[in-house]
Amino acid sequence: MADNSTLVSETGRSLLADSSVLDSKIIENSKQNVFSGSVLDVEEEMPQIETRVVLVQEAGKHEELLKALEEIKVPYIKTDTIEELGDSDSPEFETIFVVSDFQDSIFNNLCKADCRVIGPPVVLHCAQKGEPLPFSCRPLYCASMLNLVLCFTGFRKKDELVKLVTLVHHMGGIIRRDFSSKVTHLVANSTHGDKFRIAVSLGTPIVKAEWIYKAWEKRNEIDFCAADDDFRNQFKVPPFQDCMLSFLGFSDDEKANMEEMTEMQGGHYLPVGDERCTHLVVEESTVKDLPFEPLKNLYVVKQEWFWGSIQMDARAGESMYLFEKSESPGLKKSVSLLSLNTPNSNRKRRRLKETLAQLTRETDMSPFPPRKQTPKPCAKPSKNSTPLPLKQSARWQVAKELYQTESNYVDILTTIIQLFQVPLEKEGQLGGPILAQEEIKTIFGSIPDILDVHTKIKEDLEDLMMNWTESKSIGDIILKYSKDLLKTYPPFVNFFEMSKETITRCEKQKPRFHAFLKINQAKPECGRQSLAELLIRPVQRLPSVALLLNDIKKHTAEENPDKITLERAIESLKEVMTHINEDKRKTEAQRQFFDVVYEVDGCPANLLSSHRSLVQRLETVALGDDLCDRGEQVTLFLFNDCLEIARKRHKVIGAFKSPHGHARPPASLKHVVLMPLSQIKKVLDIRETEDCHKAFALVVRPPTELNNKLLSFQMTTEEPPKEDWLKTLCRHVANTICKADAENLIYTADPDSVEVNTKDMDSTLSRASRAIKKTSKKVTRAFSFSKTPKRALRRALMSHSATEGRSPSSANESYIGSRLTSTSSLAGIPSPSLVSLPSIFEKRSHTLSRSTTHLI
C-alpha cells in the first residue's frame, strides 16, 4: 500500500477524485466496462476486454454477494489463495478481486501487485443501483463516502493522518490538500488556522476524526451514507472546542446561563483573571474599562461573539468582535457581520434631530412623513413641515394619534419580519437551518399578511392627514379593509399561545435559536423587547383601534357624515373581534375534547362531536357502590348534552403495565359510563350536616331499567361552589330535554332520607376497609377458576343464550346496565381475609328503588 502512505501518488496522478471512482465518464459498452488505463489523453480506441471477478476466501461464501453478481451478469470464480490463479494480468480479462478483509496478508499482496480490489459492499451497492462495477486506482471497500471531498487541518502526527486518508479512500472519498469551495467536509484536529476560518465563512461542515472511524465501523451497511446529517452531527466540532472562557459585566443569572451554554458547546469557563483563559467575553454596555491588563494571547471580545458562534454552530472570527475602551477611536470600526444596526454616528445624529424637532415643536405639528411638494421660492419650510390648520381641532388630534400608533405598529411588524422571520427562512444559513419550516410557520403565522393590510391602512391615513379637512372620512378607511382584517387576524390570534409555546420550547431545546434571539433582541429596533413580547402586538391592536375610533366619534359633529361611517367602522371591528373570539373558543374546545380523550382510558369514540362542547370538570368521591366502589375518586366531565363519568385508574401490575416510549403520558382515568343528560330526572342538593359535607346526588333512569338509580357524590375541591355546579348542571339538563324551568330540577334532601353520609370518607379505618376490599376482589378473581368453575360456566352459557334471541342493540344496553352493578356483585364474594373483620366493615345493602320512592 505504498500509494496510500502519502497524499499524492508516486505516478503524479491525482487522488481518488481524479481516478474516477464510480465516475459517470466510465464508458459502458454493452454489459462490459472499458478500461481507461491511463490518465493521459489517448485518443486511440481501446480493445474490449471481459471483466472477471475473483472472490477471495470468505467473499466466496457470501450468498448475497453471489446473487448480486448474477444480477449484474458478471462472471466470477472462487479461490482461497492468489497462487491458484497464476498470472492475473492476462490480456483476456480485467480481473477484479473481491476481498472481505482489507487488513490481512492477501489484501496487502494484491495491493503490492497493483491489482484492482473492491469489498463486498461495493458489489451489493452496484447491484442495488443497477450500475456496473466501478474502476478505481485504489482499493475500494464501500461507497459510504462516495462523492465526498475532504480536507484535513491540525493533524501533526503523520501516521494518524495516513490512516485516516487510507480509510477515506477505502470508503470512496476524495482528499484535497488545499481547502477550496469544492471541499464538502473539513476534518479538524484544531480550531485554529486558515482552513478552519475559511470553512466557517463558507459554512462547510467541520467534523472530528472520529467521524471517519465511526463511518468505517458501518462499512458493511449498504444504505449507509457518512454525509447523513443525523450521523454527521454527532461528530461536529463544537464552537468552543479548545476555548477557556471568562465573563465580565453580566448579571449572576445571565452569567450562569452563559457558563452552562459554554459547556454545552464544548468549552470550559474560568474565573476572570485566570491565566489559562483564552477568551474574555465582555458586556460592553456595562463595562467601560478592564480591571486588569490582558495578556497578549487573550481575546477580549463582545458578547455578540459568544452568541454569534453558537448561532453559526462554529467559532466566529475574533477580529470582528474585539472589545475596545470607550475612548478608543477604533471602537466604531468594529462592526459585526451579524448585526444590522445603523452606525453609532447615524443613531446619534437621528436622536439629535429628534430632540431639536421636539424643541421647535415640529414633531407635534407633523408626525407623519412629508409629501413630495415643490417648495415655494419665497418660503423655506422644514423637510418635516406640513400644511396645518391654524387651530387644531380635537378630532384632528385624535386622528393624528391614530396615525402615529398605526405607523409605530407597522414598524414593529416590519421589525418582526426583517429581524426574525427573514433570517430564519434564509437558505444557506451557516451551520444549517436554525429552525424547521413548520416551527417558523407556527411562530409567525399570518404576520406578513397582517403587515400588508396595515401598510395600506397607514398609507391611506397618511394621505388623509396630509390633505386634512374636517369632512374627511376616517371610518371609510377602516371599512375599506374590514374584510382583510377579518381574514388575516383570526389565524394568528387563535394560535398565539401555540406560537409562544413553540418559542419557549425551541429556545430551550435549540441553543442556536437561543443565541439568535439573544443577538437580535439586543438590537435597538426591538426596544429591549423579546420576540414573544413583540408578537403580542397584533393581539392588542384591534381593541386599541376601536378605542381611538370611539374617541374620534366623540369629537365628530352630528352633521358630519363621518359620524355614521365611524359607527359602522367600530361595528366592523367588533365583528372581527367577535369572530376571533368564536374561532378561539372553538379551537380551545377542540383541544379540551382531545385532552379528555387522551386522559380517559376507554373513552367512547362517539364523545367527539362537532356540536358538543366541554362545560365543566368536577373532581368528586363516590358515596355509593353503583358506579364503582364507595370512596373511589371519580371525575365528572359535564358536556352540553352528556356527562362522562370516569374513575381514577388503579395501578396496573405485572404484564399489564403500559409499554414505555409513548409520546403522551398514560391515561390517568378509566371510563365508567357516558350518560346522556336526558337520563337525569332530578338533581339532589343534600343539606350540609355534621356528618355530611359538600354532597349531592343524581336520580337517573337508564333506558334499560324500570326503576330509578341514585348516584351520590362528594365534591373534593373548593371551586366551583356546589350551588354553582348544580345550577350549571340543571341548566344543561333543561336545555337537553327542552324545558325552560331549569330550577325545578333541583331538590333539597336530608342526608338521612337518601342514606348518604361523608363522615367516614377520610378516616384511616375507611381507607383500610377499601384497600382490603380491593385486595379481596383481586384475589377472588385470580382464584375463581378453582372455586366456582360450574357457576362461571353456567353464567357464560346463560348470557350467550340470552343474547342470541335479542338484537345487538338490546344486548349492548343490557351490558351497560350490568356494568353499573358488577362492582357491587363482586363485593359479595366471600374471602378469608374478611372473616375476622369487625361488623363496621360489613356492607349495608339498600334498595335504590326504595330510596327513590322517598323522593317521589
Foldseek 3Di string as FASTA:
>chain_A
DVQLLDCAGPVRQHAFVRQQWVHPPFDDDDLATDDPPDSDDDPDDDDDAAEEEEEEDPSVVDPLLVVLCVLSVHHYDYDHAPVVVPDPPDPRYQYEYEDADCPDPRNVVCVVVQHHYEYSLQSVLCSVVVHHRTDTSDYAYEQQAAQAEEEEPDDDDSVVVSVLSNLCVNNRYHYDDDDDPSHQEYAYPDCDDDNNQVCLVQLRFYFHSVLSVVSSVVRNPNPHHSPPPVSRVVTTQFAQAVAEEEEPDDDPVVRVVLQVVQVVRHHHYDYPPDPSHQEYEYAVVGDQDDPDDDDPRHAYFYCLQSLVSQLLRHRHDSVLTGDDHPPDPCRQVRDDPLDPADGPVVVVVVVVVVVVCVVVVLCVQAVDQADDDDDDPVDDDDRRHADDDPDDALLLNLLVVVLVVLVVLLLLLVCLCPLPLVVQPDPPRNVGHQDDPVLSCLQCPLSVLVSVLSVQLSVVSNVCSRVDDLLDANLVSLVVCLVSLLVRQLRCVLSLVVNVVSLVVSCVVGSSSVSSQVVRCPHVSNVNDGSNVSSCVSVVPLVVSLVSLVSSLVRRDPPRPNNVSSVVSSVSSVVSVVSSVVSSQLVVQVVVVVVVVQQEPPPDPVVDDSVKGWDDKFWWFWQDPQQHDGLWIWMWTDMLWKIWIWTFDDDDDDPPDDDPDDPDDHHGIYTRDIGTLLQFQAKEDEDDDPFADQKIWTFGDQPVDPFTFITMIHTDDPPPPSVVVQLVSLVSSCVNVVHDCSVVRYDYDYCVLLVTGCNCSPPPVVVVLVVVLVVQLVVCVVCVCPVCVPVVVVVVVVLVVVVVVDDPVVNVSVVSNVSSCVNVVSSPDDDPVCPPDDPVSDDDDDDRRVSVVSVD
